[in-house]
């Protein structure tokens, strides 16, 4: 049975559905949940260094505040169901790599993530990030759609 689940959240209803699925799994196996929001790194432009610095600080502050709100909402779901839950956010250039790294660093044995099918794909491909996590992770991934 799984003991520690990683659930990436991005503020979408689908991500909250994945949180609820993880809660159901966690309750069965008495596991805990680690929530994660990965914020895409701010792109730097060398020739506008002063302006980029001020804009970067604003971007990181606002993105961090948004992440904390989303993590808080997801955490309330878990705690309301009696499941131990913690969470944090990070900045990364490659979102899927950050998800896999955090799962490994926290000793997670399952990643539960929203992975709706891309509507334009008749063959039913998962979103790019979900597919990248599945390909990069040695940890099992439950793709919730």
C-alpha atoms as a PDB file:
ATOM      1  CA  UNK A   1       0.000   0.000   0.000  1.00  0.00           C
ATOM      2  CA  UNK A   2       1.136   3.544  -0.622  1.00  0.00           C
ATOM      3  CA  UNK A   3       2.429   5.600   2.311  1.00  0.00           C
ATOM      4  CA  UNK A   4       3.258   9.031   0.875  1.00  0.00           C
ATOM      5  CA  UNK A   5       1.519  10.583  -2.111  1.00  0.00           C
ATOM      6  CA  UNK A   6       2.654  13.585  -4.110  1.00  0.00           C
ATOM      7  CA  UNK A   7      -0.131  15.622  -5.670  1.00  0.00           C
ATOM      8  CA  UNK A   8       0.783  18.506  -7.981  1.00  0.00           C
ATOM      9  CA  UNK A   9      -1.827  21.273  -7.890  1.00  0.00           C
ATOM     10  CA  UNK A  10      -2.310  24.138 -10.325  1.00  0.00           C
ATOM     11  CA  UNK A  11      -5.535  25.782  -9.226  1.00  0.00           C
ATOM     12  CA  UNK A  12      -7.746  23.979 -11.727  1.00  0.00           C
ATOM     13  CA  UNK A  13     -10.877  22.008 -10.862  1.00  0.00           C
ATOM     14  CA  UNK A  14      -9.171  18.935 -12.344  1.00  0.00           C
ATOM     15  CA  UNK A  15      -6.284  19.289  -9.904  1.00  0.00           C
ATOM     16  CA  UNK A  16      -8.725  19.420  -6.979  1.00  0.00           C
ATOM     17  CA  UNK A  17     -10.362  16.265  -8.316  1.00  0.00           C
ATOM     18  CA  UNK A  18      -6.925  14.618  -8.302  1.00  0.00           C
ATOM     19  CA  UNK A  19      -6.481  15.799  -4.690  1.00  0.00           C
ATOM     20  CA  UNK A  20      -9.783  14.165  -3.786  1.00  0.00           C
ATOM     21  CA  UNK A  21      -8.702  10.928  -5.506  1.00  0.00           C
ATOM     22  CA  UNK A  22      -5.430  11.011  -3.554  1.00  0.00           C
ATOM     23  CA  UNK A  23      -7.371  11.574  -0.339  1.00  0.00           C
ATOM     24  CA  UNK A  24      -9.433   8.445  -1.006  1.00  0.00           C
ATOM     25  CA  UNK A  25      -6.254   6.426  -1.600  1.00  0.00           C
ATOM     26  CA  UNK A  26      -4.567   7.930   1.465  1.00  0.00           C
ATOM     27  CA  UNK A  27      -7.512   7.108   3.715  1.00  0.00           C
ATOM     28  CA  UNK A  28      -7.463   3.452   2.678  1.00  0.00           C
ATOM     29  CA  UNK A  29      -3.746   3.028   3.327  1.00  0.00           C
ATOM     30  CA  UNK A  30      -3.344   5.609   6.099  1.00  0.00           C
ATOM     31  CA  UNK A  31      -0.925   7.508   3.884  1.00  0.00           C
ATOM     32  CA  UNK A  32      -0.075  11.178   3.986  1.00  0.00           C
ATOM     33  CA  UNK A  33      -0.111  13.667   1.146  1.00  0.00           C
ATOM     34  CA  UNK A  34       2.462  16.159  -0.014  1.00  0.00           C
ATOM     35  CA  UNK A  35       1.021  18.886  -2.248  1.00  0.00           C
ATOM     36  CA  UNK A  36       3.198  20.705  -4.742  1.00  0.00           C
ATOM     37  CA  UNK A  37       2.724  23.662  -7.015  1.00  0.00           C
ATOM     38  CA  UNK A  38       5.479  24.260  -9.563  1.00  0.00           C
ATOM     39  CA  UNK A  39       5.786  27.779 -10.911  1.00  0.00           C
ATOM     40  CA  UNK A  40       7.494  28.220 -14.237  1.00  0.00           C
ATOM     41  CA  UNK A  41      10.740  30.141 -13.782  1.00  0.00           C
ATOM     42  CA  UNK A  42      10.717  33.746 -14.861  1.00  0.00           C
ATOM     43  CA  UNK A  43      12.537  34.136 -18.171  1.00  0.00           C
ATOM     44  CA  UNK A  44      15.530  36.451 -17.964  1.00  0.00           C
ATOM     45  CA  UNK A  45      16.629  38.853 -20.655  1.00  0.00           C
ATOM     46  CA  UNK A  46      20.204  40.038 -20.128  1.00  0.00           C
ATOM     47  CA  UNK A  47      19.955  43.414 -21.862  1.00  0.00           C
ATOM     48  CA  UNK A  48      17.036  44.526 -19.653  1.00  0.00           C
ATOM     49  CA  UNK A  49      18.595  43.427 -16.353  1.00  0.00           C
ATOM     50  CA  UNK A  50      17.298  46.253 -14.126  1.00  0.00           C
ATOM     51  CA  UNK A  51      13.764  46.079 -15.424  1.00  0.00           C
ATOM     52  CA  UNK A  52      13.753  42.282 -15.387  1.00  0.00           C
ATOM     53  CA  UNK A  53      14.853  42.242 -11.745  1.00  0.00           C
ATOM     54  CA  UNK A  54      11.916  44.386 -10.624  1.00  0.00           C
ATOM     55  CA  UNK A  55       9.495  42.476 -12.803  1.00  0.00           C
ATOM     56  CA  UNK A  56      10.897  39.150 -11.606  1.00  0.00           C
ATOM     57  CA  UNK A  57      10.365  40.082  -7.950  1.00  0.00           C
ATOM     58  CA  UNK A  58       6.762  41.021  -8.671  1.00  0.00           C
ATOM     59  CA  UNK A  59       6.197  37.847 -10.681  1.00  0.00           C
ATOM     60  CA  UNK A  60       7.628  35.632  -7.934  1.00  0.00           C
ATOM     61  CA  UNK A  61       5.705  37.413  -5.180  1.00  0.00           C
ATOM     62  CA  UNK A  62       2.367  37.217  -6.998  1.00  0.00           C
ATOM     63  CA  UNK A  63       2.908  33.660  -8.223  1.00  0.00           C
ATOM     64  CA  UNK A  64       3.902  32.586  -4.715  1.00  0.00           C
ATOM     65  CA  UNK A  65       0.773  34.138  -3.216  1.00  0.00           C
ATOM     66  CA  UNK A  66      -1.399  32.406  -5.819  1.00  0.00           C
ATOM     67  CA  UNK A  67       0.374  29.103  -5.135  1.00  0.00           C
ATOM     68  CA  UNK A  68      -0.218  29.413  -1.394  1.00  0.00           C
ATOM     69  CA  UNK A  69      -3.921  30.002  -1.993  1.00  0.00           C
ATOM     70  CA  UNK A  70      -4.220  26.919  -4.216  1.00  0.00           C
ATOM     71  CA  UNK A  71      -2.190  24.801  -1.810  1.00  0.00           C
ATOM     72  CA  UNK A  72      -4.346  26.011   1.082  1.00  0.00           C
ATOM     73  CA  UNK A  73      -7.551  25.055  -0.678  1.00  0.00           C
ATOM     74  CA  UNK A  74      -6.222  21.580  -1.488  1.00  0.00           C
ATOM     75  CA  UNK A  75      -4.863  21.170   2.041  1.00  0.00           C
ATOM     76  CA  UNK A  76      -8.300  21.979   3.490  1.00  0.00           C
ATOM     77  CA  UNK A  77      -9.762  19.108   1.449  1.00  0.00           C
ATOM     78  CA  UNK A  78      -7.224  16.664   2.890  1.00  0.00           C
ATOM     79  CA  UNK A  79      -7.366  17.845   6.486  1.00  0.00           C
ATOM     80  CA  UNK A  80     -11.163  17.904   6.343  1.00  0.00           C
ATOM     81  CA  UNK A  81     -11.032  14.214   5.422  1.00  0.00           C
ATOM     82  CA  UNK A  82      -8.611  13.437   8.255  1.00  0.00           C
ATOM     83  CA  UNK A  83      -5.566  12.935   6.013  1.00  0.00           C
ATOM     84  CA  UNK A  84      -2.184  14.337   7.048  1.00  0.00           C
ATOM     85  CA  UNK A  85      -1.106  16.865   4.468  1.00  0.00           C
ATOM     86  CA  UNK A  86       1.655  19.354   3.844  1.00  0.00           C
ATOM     87  CA  UNK A  87       2.633  21.297   0.800  1.00  0.00           C
ATOM     88  CA  UNK A  88       4.906  23.800  -0.788  1.00  0.00           C
ATOM     89  CA  UNK A  89       5.752  25.471  -4.047  1.00  0.00           C
ATOM     90  CA  UNK A  90       8.899  25.812  -6.070  1.00  0.00           C
ATOM     91  CA  UNK A  91      10.146  27.599  -9.157  1.00  0.00           C
ATOM     92  CA  UNK A  92      11.546  25.502 -11.976  1.00  0.00           C
ATOM     93  CA  UNK A  93      12.343  25.793 -15.646  1.00  0.00           C
ATOM     94  CA  UNK A  94      11.028  22.277 -16.293  1.00  0.00           C
ATOM     95  CA  UNK A  95       7.862  21.571 -14.381  1.00  0.00           C
ATOM     96  CA  UNK A  96       7.841  17.812 -14.896  1.00  0.00           C
ATOM     97  CA  UNK A  97      11.419  17.486 -13.606  1.00  0.00           C
ATOM     98  CA  UNK A  98      10.533  19.450 -10.464  1.00  0.00           C
ATOM     99  CA  UNK A  99       7.564  17.155  -9.807  1.00  0.00           C
ATOM    100  CA  UNK A 100       9.700  14.024 -10.155  1.00  0.00           C
ATOM    101  CA  UNK A 101      12.537  15.505  -8.044  1.00  0.00           C
ATOM    102  CA  UNK A 102      10.212  16.553  -5.219  1.00  0.00           C
ATOM    103  CA  UNK A 103       8.500  13.153  -5.241  1.00  0.00           C
ATOM    104  CA  UNK A 104      11.881  11.461  -4.929  1.00  0.00           C
ATOM    105  CA  UNK A 105      13.195  13.893  -2.284  1.00  0.00           C
ATOM    106  CA  UNK A 106      10.116  13.478  -0.096  1.00  0.00           C
ATOM    107  CA  UNK A 107      10.119   9.688  -0.394  1.00  0.00           C
ATOM    108  CA  UNK A 108       6.784   9.561  -2.187  1.00  0.00           C
ATOM    109  CA  UNK A 109       5.702   6.205  -3.542  1.00  0.00           C
ATOM    110  CA  UNK A 110       2.884   7.476  -5.781  1.00  0.00           C
ATOM    111  CA  UNK A 111       2.278  10.640  -7.792  1.00  0.00           C
ATOM    112  CA  UNK A 112      -1.397  11.480  -8.287  1.00  0.00           C
ATOM    113  CA  UNK A 113      -1.902  14.202 -10.839  1.00  0.00           C
ATOM    114  CA  UNK A 114      -4.594  15.701 -12.965  1.00  0.00           C
ATOM    115  CA  UNK A 115      -4.051  14.582 -16.523  1.00  0.00           C
ATOM    116  CA  UNK A 116      -7.067  15.403 -18.642  1.00  0.00           C
ATOM    117  CA  UNK A 117      -6.966  14.221 -22.202  1.00  0.00           C
ATOM    118  CA  UNK A 118      -6.143  16.908 -24.693  1.00  0.00           C
ATOM    119  CA  UNK A 119      -9.432  17.681 -26.452  1.00  0.00           C
ATOM    120  CA  UNK A 120      -7.767  18.119 -29.815  1.00  0.00           C
ATOM    121  CA  UNK A 121      -6.204  14.692 -29.679  1.00  0.00           C
ATOM    122  CA  UNK A 122      -8.476  11.998 -31.046  1.00  0.00           C
ATOM    123  CA  UNK A 123      -6.105   9.268 -29.879  1.00  0.00           C
ATOM    124  CA  UNK A 124      -6.409  10.396 -26.249  1.00  0.00           C
ATOM    125  CA  UNK A 125      -3.012  11.805 -25.379  1.00  0.00           C
ATOM    126  CA  UNK A 126      -2.503  13.199 -21.904  1.00  0.00           C
ATOM    127  CA  UNK A 127      -1.427  16.766 -21.342  1.00  0.00           C
ATOM    128  CA  UNK A 128       2.214  17.449 -22.099  1.00  0.00           C
ATOM    129  CA  UNK A 129       3.246  17.853 -18.442  1.00  0.00           C
ATOM    130  CA  UNK A 130       1.467  14.706 -17.313  1.00  0.00           C
ATOM    131  CA  UNK A 131       3.032  12.710 -20.116  1.00  0.00           C
ATOM    132  CA  UNK A 132       6.472  14.107 -19.301  1.00  0.00           C
ATOM    133  CA  UNK A 133       6.086  13.145 -15.618  1.00  0.00           C
ATOM    134  CA  UNK A 134       5.017   9.630 -16.581  1.00  0.00           C
ATOM    135  CA  UNK A 135       8.053   9.251 -18.825  1.00  0.00           C
ATOM    136  CA  UNK A 136      10.575  10.727 -16.374  1.00  0.00           C
ATOM    137  CA  UNK A 137       9.405   9.132 -13.134  1.00  0.00           C
ATOM    138  CA  UNK A 138      10.475   5.807 -11.669  1.00  0.00           C
ATOM    139  CA  UNK A 139       7.688   6.393  -9.128  1.00  0.00           C
ATOM    140  CA  UNK A 140       4.242   5.202 -10.274  1.00  0.00           C
ATOM    141  CA  UNK A 141       1.958   7.949 -11.599  1.00  0.00           C
ATOM    142  CA  UNK A 142      -1.819   7.854 -11.295  1.00  0.00           C
ATOM    143  CA  UNK A 143      -3.146  10.090 -14.044  1.00  0.00           C
ATOM    144  CA  UNK A 144      -6.514  11.415 -12.908  1.00  0.00           C
ATOM    145  CA  UNK A 145      -8.787  12.622 -15.688  1.00  0.00           C
END
